[in-house]
């Protein structure tokens, strides 16, 4: 069959073929992937710490006097692990409130980097000044940029403002 340039184009009659009516799901911002990776790493540290705690408990089982404190300490460690997993899951699903959870976590990370005690030994005052500059100015600026990319950029607003049917 030959091609007829004067024939009208074939119309799309089914609704499933009309692609412009359906918007593609917005892609996940890189800032969300980075925060999920950081939370996963921290969660793994807590898992390793909880495993070491349980190992210590079993090696000193005969010396335990207060089982209530032991259960409380184990429950606290498991709750932290569950909180990290829930935060990762909510960021992955793009829940609206997880945007603010991410900003809160980034503020906490920035505050930790600023207010933690500096135990680094420096060779001279120039190194010390560079370390303070990085700790007090550069890290907070990077965290602010990360928070903007995570919650306030156009891509992040599209990602976190999806209808609830897309996130289910």
C-alpha atoms as a PDB file:
ATOM      1  CA  UNK A   1       0.000   0.000   0.000  1.00  0.00           C
ATOM      2  CA  UNK A   2       1.365   3.352  -1.017  1.00  0.00           C
ATOM      3  CA  UNK A   3       1.510   6.392   1.200  1.00  0.00           C
ATOM      4  CA  UNK A   4      -1.048   9.053   0.239  1.00  0.00           C
ATOM      5  CA  UNK A   5       0.085  12.521   1.320  1.00  0.00           C
ATOM      6  CA  UNK A   6      -3.437  13.889   0.856  1.00  0.00           C
ATOM      7  CA  UNK A   7      -5.133  11.398   3.201  1.00  0.00           C
ATOM      8  CA  UNK A   8      -6.217  12.776   6.577  1.00  0.00           C
ATOM      9  CA  UNK A   9      -4.171  11.655   9.589  1.00  0.00           C
ATOM     10  CA  UNK A  10      -5.485   8.759  11.605  1.00  0.00           C
ATOM     11  CA  UNK A  11      -7.214  10.023  14.716  1.00  0.00           C
ATOM     12  CA  UNK A  12      -6.617   8.486  18.081  1.00  0.00           C
ATOM     13  CA  UNK A  13      -9.973   7.337  19.307  1.00  0.00           C
ATOM     14  CA  UNK A  14      -9.161   5.553  22.543  1.00  0.00           C
ATOM     15  CA  UNK A  15      -8.501   7.494  25.723  1.00  0.00           C
ATOM     16  CA  UNK A  16      -5.536   5.297  26.620  1.00  0.00           C
ATOM     17  CA  UNK A  17      -3.712   6.458  23.486  1.00  0.00           C
ATOM     18  CA  UNK A  18      -4.019  10.137  24.333  1.00  0.00           C
ATOM     19  CA  UNK A  19      -0.827  10.695  26.246  1.00  0.00           C
ATOM     20  CA  UNK A  20      -1.084  14.437  26.766  1.00  0.00           C
ATOM     21  CA  UNK A  21      -4.079  13.978  29.088  1.00  0.00           C
ATOM     22  CA  UNK A  22      -2.039  11.916  31.501  1.00  0.00           C
ATOM     23  CA  UNK A  23       0.806  13.707  33.164  1.00  0.00           C
ATOM     24  CA  UNK A  24       3.903  11.720  33.773  1.00  0.00           C
ATOM     25  CA  UNK A  25       4.768  11.223  37.415  1.00  0.00           C
ATOM     26  CA  UNK A  26       7.399  13.773  38.452  1.00  0.00           C
ATOM     27  CA  UNK A  27      10.852  12.353  38.896  1.00  0.00           C
ATOM     28  CA  UNK A  28      12.434  12.166  42.305  1.00  0.00           C
ATOM     29  CA  UNK A  29      14.931  14.986  42.951  1.00  0.00           C
ATOM     30  CA  UNK A  30      18.572  14.102  43.524  1.00  0.00           C
ATOM     31  CA  UNK A  31      18.376  15.783  46.940  1.00  0.00           C
ATOM     32  CA  UNK A  32      15.773  13.209  47.991  1.00  0.00           C
ATOM     33  CA  UNK A  33      17.998  10.345  46.820  1.00  0.00           C
ATOM     34  CA  UNK A  34      20.938  11.814  48.752  1.00  0.00           C
ATOM     35  CA  UNK A  35      18.927  12.210  51.946  1.00  0.00           C
ATOM     36  CA  UNK A  36      17.592   8.657  51.642  1.00  0.00           C
ATOM     37  CA  UNK A  37      21.167   7.380  51.187  1.00  0.00           C
ATOM     38  CA  UNK A  38      22.354   9.306  54.264  1.00  0.00           C
ATOM     39  CA  UNK A  39      19.433   8.039  56.325  1.00  0.00           C
ATOM     40  CA  UNK A  40      20.110   4.491  55.152  1.00  0.00           C
ATOM     41  CA  UNK A  41      23.764   4.802  56.196  1.00  0.00           C
ATOM     42  CA  UNK A  42      22.795   6.174  59.611  1.00  0.00           C
ATOM     43  CA  UNK A  43      20.174   3.453  59.976  1.00  0.00           C
ATOM     44  CA  UNK A  44      22.804   0.825  59.207  1.00  0.00           C
ATOM     45  CA  UNK A  45      25.048   2.312  61.889  1.00  0.00           C
ATOM     46  CA  UNK A  46      22.173   1.991  64.358  1.00  0.00           C
ATOM     47  CA  UNK A  47      21.554  -1.609  63.259  1.00  0.00           C
ATOM     48  CA  UNK A  48      25.230  -2.433  63.826  1.00  0.00           C
ATOM     49  CA  UNK A  49      25.121  -0.695  67.208  1.00  0.00           C
ATOM     50  CA  UNK A  50      21.977  -2.592  68.205  1.00  0.00           C
ATOM     51  CA  UNK A  51      23.577  -5.889  67.163  1.00  0.00           C
ATOM     52  CA  UNK A  52      26.662  -5.093  69.238  1.00  0.00           C
ATOM     53  CA  UNK A  53      24.414  -4.165  72.167  1.00  0.00           C
ATOM     54  CA  UNK A  54      22.557  -7.476  71.920  1.00  0.00           C
ATOM     55  CA  UNK A  55      25.879  -9.329  71.664  1.00  0.00           C
ATOM     56  CA  UNK A  56      27.128  -7.579  74.781  1.00  0.00           C
ATOM     57  CA  UNK A  57      23.910  -8.396  76.619  1.00  0.00           C
ATOM     58  CA  UNK A  58      24.208 -12.095  75.776  1.00  0.00           C
ATOM     59  CA  UNK A  59      27.854 -12.284  76.808  1.00  0.00           C
ATOM     60  CA  UNK A  60      27.063 -10.678  80.195  1.00  0.00           C
ATOM     61  CA  UNK A  61      23.654 -12.309  80.706  1.00  0.00           C
ATOM     62  CA  UNK A  62      24.399 -13.459  84.249  1.00  0.00           C
ATOM     63  CA  UNK A  63      25.388  -9.977  85.403  1.00  0.00           C
ATOM     64  CA  UNK A  64      22.137  -8.246  84.415  1.00  0.00           C
ATOM     65  CA  UNK A  65      20.240  -6.895  87.425  1.00  0.00           C
ATOM     66  CA  UNK A  66      17.541  -4.686  85.902  1.00  0.00           C
ATOM     67  CA  UNK A  67      15.708  -6.253  82.977  1.00  0.00           C
ATOM     68  CA  UNK A  68      13.371  -3.255  82.667  1.00  0.00           C
ATOM     69  CA  UNK A  69      16.255  -0.967  81.731  1.00  0.00           C
ATOM     70  CA  UNK A  70      17.559  -3.616  79.358  1.00  0.00           C
ATOM     71  CA  UNK A  71      14.219  -3.884  77.567  1.00  0.00           C
ATOM     72  CA  UNK A  72      13.910  -0.089  77.472  1.00  0.00           C
ATOM     73  CA  UNK A  73      17.392   0.294  75.962  1.00  0.00           C
ATOM     74  CA  UNK A  74      16.663  -2.347  73.327  1.00  0.00           C
ATOM     75  CA  UNK A  75      13.263  -0.813  72.540  1.00  0.00           C
ATOM     76  CA  UNK A  76      14.912   2.612  72.118  1.00  0.00           C
ATOM     77  CA  UNK A  77      17.428   1.209  69.640  1.00  0.00           C
ATOM     78  CA  UNK A  78      14.731  -0.611  67.659  1.00  0.00           C
ATOM     79  CA  UNK A  79      12.543   2.513  67.646  1.00  0.00           C
ATOM     80  CA  UNK A  80      15.403   4.552  66.164  1.00  0.00           C
ATOM     81  CA  UNK A  81      15.898   1.966  63.437  1.00  0.00           C
ATOM     82  CA  UNK A  82      12.159   1.936  62.706  1.00  0.00           C
ATOM     83  CA  UNK A  83      12.084   5.748  62.590  1.00  0.00           C
ATOM     84  CA  UNK A  84      14.896   5.826  60.030  1.00  0.00           C
ATOM     85  CA  UNK A  85      13.164   3.191  57.908  1.00  0.00           C
ATOM     86  CA  UNK A  86       9.857   5.080  58.099  1.00  0.00           C
ATOM     87  CA  UNK A  87      11.573   8.320  57.075  1.00  0.00           C
ATOM     88  CA  UNK A  88      13.223   6.615  54.100  1.00  0.00           C
ATOM     89  CA  UNK A  89       9.930   5.048  53.052  1.00  0.00           C
ATOM     90  CA  UNK A  90       7.997   8.311  53.329  1.00  0.00           C
ATOM     91  CA  UNK A  91      10.627  10.178  51.309  1.00  0.00           C
ATOM     92  CA  UNK A  92      10.573   7.425  48.699  1.00  0.00           C
ATOM     93  CA  UNK A  93       6.797   7.584  48.395  1.00  0.00           C
ATOM     94  CA  UNK A  94       6.843  11.387  48.255  1.00  0.00           C
ATOM     95  CA  UNK A  95       4.381  12.099  51.038  1.00  0.00           C
ATOM     96  CA  UNK A  96       3.781  15.813  51.503  1.00  0.00           C
ATOM     97  CA  UNK A  97       4.810  15.810  55.153  1.00  0.00           C
ATOM     98  CA  UNK A  98       8.080  13.997  54.382  1.00  0.00           C
ATOM     99  CA  UNK A  99       9.298  17.172  52.693  1.00  0.00           C
ATOM    100  CA  UNK A 100       9.210  18.935  56.072  1.00  0.00           C
ATOM    101  CA  UNK A 101      10.675  15.903  57.784  1.00  0.00           C
ATOM    102  CA  UNK A 102      13.605  16.110  55.383  1.00  0.00           C
ATOM    103  CA  UNK A 103      14.115  19.810  56.054  1.00  0.00           C
ATOM    104  CA  UNK A 104      14.016  19.125  59.804  1.00  0.00           C
ATOM    105  CA  UNK A 105      16.597  16.360  59.444  1.00  0.00           C
ATOM    106  CA  UNK A 106      18.873  18.595  57.380  1.00  0.00           C
ATOM    107  CA  UNK A 107      18.607  21.347  60.001  1.00  0.00           C
ATOM    108  CA  UNK A 108      19.510  18.780  62.662  1.00  0.00           C
ATOM    109  CA  UNK A 109      22.510  17.614  60.609  1.00  0.00           C
ATOM    110  CA  UNK A 110      23.653  21.218  60.143  1.00  0.00           C
ATOM    111  CA  UNK A 111      23.234  21.975  63.852  1.00  0.00           C
ATOM    112  CA  UNK A 112      25.220  18.858  64.711  1.00  0.00           C
ATOM    113  CA  UNK A 113      28.033  19.873  62.368  1.00  0.00           C
ATOM    114  CA  UNK A 114      28.161  23.363  63.899  1.00  0.00           C
ATOM    115  CA  UNK A 115      27.725  22.612  67.605  1.00  0.00           C
ATOM    116  CA  UNK A 116      29.636  19.363  68.004  1.00  0.00           C
ATOM    117  CA  UNK A 117      32.929  19.701  69.841  1.00  0.00           C
ATOM    118  CA  UNK A 118      35.893  20.155  67.529  1.00  0.00           C
ATOM    119  CA  UNK A 119      38.507  17.615  68.584  1.00  0.00           C
ATOM    120  CA  UNK A 120      40.647  17.956  65.477  1.00  0.00           C
ATOM    121  CA  UNK A 121      44.296  18.760  66.013  1.00  0.00           C
ATOM    122  CA  UNK A 122      45.674  21.340  63.592  1.00  0.00           C
ATOM    123  CA  UNK A 123      49.304  21.962  62.703  1.00  0.00           C
ATOM    124  CA  UNK A 124      48.961  25.757  62.716  1.00  0.00           C
ATOM    125  CA  UNK A 125      46.507  28.624  62.962  1.00  0.00           C
ATOM    126  CA  UNK A 126      45.862  28.722  59.200  1.00  0.00           C
ATOM    127  CA  UNK A 127      44.592  25.144  59.251  1.00  0.00           C
ATOM    128  CA  UNK A 128      42.480  25.910  62.308  1.00  0.00           C
ATOM    129  CA  UNK A 129      40.948  28.945  60.550  1.00  0.00           C
ATOM    130  CA  UNK A 130      40.199  26.853  57.471  1.00  0.00           C
ATOM    131  CA  UNK A 131      38.551  24.198  59.605  1.00  0.00           C
ATOM    132  CA  UNK A 132      36.420  26.774  61.395  1.00  0.00           C
ATOM    133  CA  UNK A 133      35.474  28.400  58.096  1.00  0.00           C
ATOM    134  CA  UNK A 134      34.319  25.076  56.728  1.00  0.00           C
ATOM    135  CA  UNK A 135      32.502  24.054  59.877  1.00  0.00           C
ATOM    136  CA  UNK A 136      30.776  27.348  60.606  1.00  0.00           C
ATOM    137  CA  UNK A 137      30.098  28.713  57.105  1.00  0.00           C
ATOM    138  CA  UNK A 138      30.562  26.231  54.283  1.00  0.00           C
ATOM    139  CA  UNK A 139      28.740  23.254  55.811  1.00  0.00           C
ATOM    140  CA  UNK A 140      25.682  25.321  56.793  1.00  0.00           C
ATOM    141  CA  UNK A 141      25.593  26.837  53.292  1.00  0.00           C
ATOM    142  CA  UNK A 142      25.736  23.392  51.730  1.00  0.00           C
ATOM    143  CA  UNK A 143      22.988  22.158  54.036  1.00  0.00           C
ATOM    144  CA  UNK A 144      20.856  25.203  53.173  1.00  0.00           C
ATOM    145  CA  UNK A 145      21.346  24.521  49.490  1.00  0.00           C
ATOM    146  CA  UNK A 146      20.448  20.864  50.049  1.00  0.00           C
ATOM    147  CA  UNK A 147      17.308  21.871  51.979  1.00  0.00           C
ATOM    148  CA  UNK A 148      16.291  24.214  49.147  1.00  0.00           C
ATOM    149  CA  UNK A 149      16.791  21.465  46.566  1.00  0.00           C
ATOM    150  CA  UNK A 150      14.929  18.985  48.765  1.00  0.00           C
ATOM    151  CA  UNK A 151      11.851  21.008  49.597  1.00  0.00           C
ATOM    152  CA  UNK A 152      11.593  24.332  47.806  1.00  0.00           C
ATOM    153  CA  UNK A 153      12.880  23.880  44.251  1.00  0.00           C
ATOM    154  CA  UNK A 154      10.378  23.555  41.413  1.00  0.00           C
ATOM    155  CA  UNK A 155      11.194  19.871  40.905  1.00  0.00           C
ATOM    156  CA  UNK A 156      10.786  19.138  44.620  1.00  0.00           C
ATOM    157  CA  UNK A 157       7.468  20.998  44.805  1.00  0.00           C
ATOM    158  CA  UNK A 158       6.182  18.940  41.870  1.00  0.00           C
ATOM    159  CA  UNK A 159       7.415  15.715  43.462  1.00  0.00           C
ATOM    160  CA  UNK A 160       5.937  16.367  46.902  1.00  0.00           C
ATOM    161  CA  UNK A 161       2.647  17.815  45.648  1.00  0.00           C
ATOM    162  CA  UNK A 162       1.548  14.766  43.697  1.00  0.00           C
ATOM    163  CA  UNK A 163      -2.037  13.635  44.189  1.00  0.00           C
ATOM    164  CA  UNK A 164      -2.486  10.976  46.818  1.00  0.00           C
ATOM    165  CA  UNK A 165      -3.494   8.409  44.180  1.00  0.00           C
ATOM    166  CA  UNK A 166       0.045   8.522  42.722  1.00  0.00           C
ATOM    167  CA  UNK A 167       1.713   7.889  46.060  1.00  0.00           C
ATOM    168  CA  UNK A 168      -0.467   4.962  47.106  1.00  0.00           C
END
